[in-house]
Amino acid sequence: MINGVSTGIELLGVTVNNFNTLHAWQISTGFVAGINTLDFVIRDDGVIGAFRTELSGSADRIAVPEPGTLALLGLGLIGMGAARRKKA
């Protein structure tokens, strides 16, 4: 599950005869800005088993202007408006 919502990825019915077999899976949707939570739900069917996962990947950051940048932009626009008004 990602952020409490099922990913739809299930390995039901998979028979593993040893602990040397890995099953690949991938999640590319369901992420939100900020911190995401990934939960694994393991069912105990009475057979001795194990769980191992390796996570890797990257996230692209979205550039968000800092408040100071927005303030300077606003002052620049006001200054241009005032200069244009004086010319007219």
Protein backbone atom coordinates (compact mmCIF):
# COMPACT_ATOMS: atom_id res chain seq x y z
CA MET A 1 0.00 0.00 0.00
CA ILE A 2 1.18 3.52 -0.68
CA ASN A 3 -0.22 6.23 1.58
CA GLY A 4 -2.89 3.79 2.78
CA VAL A 5 -4.14 2.90 -0.72
CA SER A 6 -3.62 -0.53 -2.25
CA THR A 7 -1.18 -0.61 -5.17
CA GLY A 8 -2.93 -3.64 -6.63
CA ILE A 9 0.34 -5.60 -6.50
CA GLU A 10 -0.20 -9.06 -5.07
CA LEU A 11 1.96 -12.13 -5.23
CA LEU A 12 -0.87 -14.52 -4.38
CA GLY A 13 -0.51 -18.06 -5.60
CA VAL A 14 3.24 -17.76 -6.02
CA THR A 15 5.02 -20.87 -4.78
CA VAL A 16 8.57 -20.29 -3.63
CA ASN A 17 10.57 -23.42 -2.88
CA ASN A 18 13.54 -21.61 -1.37
CA PHE A 19 14.61 -18.22 -0.12
CA ASN A 20 16.78 -17.53 -3.18
CA THR A 21 13.93 -16.41 -5.43
CA LEU A 22 13.05 -12.73 -5.65
CA HIS A 23 9.95 -11.30 -7.31
CA ALA A 24 10.24 -7.91 -9.00
CA TRP A 25 7.62 -5.24 -8.45
CA GLN A 26 7.35 -1.56 -9.25
CA ILE A 27 5.25 1.37 -8.06
CA SER A 28 5.06 4.49 -10.22
CA THR A 29 1.74 6.05 -9.21
CA GLY A 30 0.04 7.06 -5.97
CA PHE A 31 2.82 9.29 -4.71
CA VAL A 32 2.03 12.71 -3.24
CA ALA A 33 4.19 15.78 -2.63
CA GLY A 34 6.08 15.50 0.64
CA ILE A 35 6.47 12.32 2.64
CA ASN A 36 4.97 9.08 1.33
CA THR A 37 4.32 5.91 3.35
CA LEU A 38 4.87 2.46 1.90
CA ASP A 39 3.26 -0.44 3.81
CA PHE A 40 3.73 -4.15 3.15
CA VAL A 41 0.88 -6.49 4.11
CA ILE A 42 2.09 -10.04 4.77
CA ARG A 43 -0.37 -12.90 5.22
CA ASP A 44 0.54 -15.88 7.42
CA ASP A 45 -0.71 -19.02 5.70
CA GLY A 46 0.97 -21.38 8.16
CA VAL A 47 3.97 -22.19 5.95
CA ILE A 48 7.40 -21.03 7.06
CA GLY A 49 8.32 -18.10 4.89
CA ALA A 50 10.33 -14.93 4.70
CA PHE A 51 10.01 -11.40 3.42
CA ARG A 52 12.76 -9.27 1.94
CA THR A 53 12.53 -6.10 -0.08
CA GLU A 54 15.09 -3.83 -1.66
CA LEU A 55 14.03 -0.29 -2.41
CA SER A 56 15.64 2.04 -4.88
CA GLY A 57 14.56 4.98 -6.92
CA SER A 58 14.52 8.71 -7.13
CA ALA A 59 12.09 11.54 -6.89
CA ASP A 60 12.09 14.69 -8.95
CA ARG A 61 11.80 17.84 -6.90
CA ILE A 62 9.42 20.54 -8.04
CA ALA A 63 11.01 23.97 -7.85
CA VAL A 64 8.98 26.28 -5.63
CA PRO A 65 9.94 29.96 -5.54
CA GLU A 66 10.97 31.26 -2.14
CA PRO A 67 8.90 34.09 -0.61
CA GLY A 68 11.78 36.56 -1.08
CA THR A 69 11.86 35.80 -4.80
CA LEU A 70 8.13 36.42 -5.11
CA ALA A 71 8.44 39.68 -3.15
CA LEU A 72 11.19 40.92 -5.47
CA LEU A 73 9.11 40.00 -8.50
CA GLY A 74 6.16 41.92 -7.09
CA LEU A 75 8.29 45.00 -6.36
CA GLY A 76 9.73 44.87 -9.87
CA LEU A 77 6.27 44.74 -11.42
CA ILE A 78 5.08 47.63 -9.26
CA GLY A 79 8.17 49.65 -10.21
CA MET A 80 7.64 48.99 -13.92
CA GLY A 81 4.00 50.01 -13.61
CA ALA A 82 4.96 53.23 -11.80
CA ALA A 83 7.63 54.07 -14.40
CA ARG A 84 5.22 53.50 -17.27
CA ARG A 85 2.54 55.58 -15.55
CA LYS A 86 4.94 58.55 -15.20
CA LYS A 87 5.78 58.42 -18.96
CA ALA A 88 2.12 58.54 -20.01
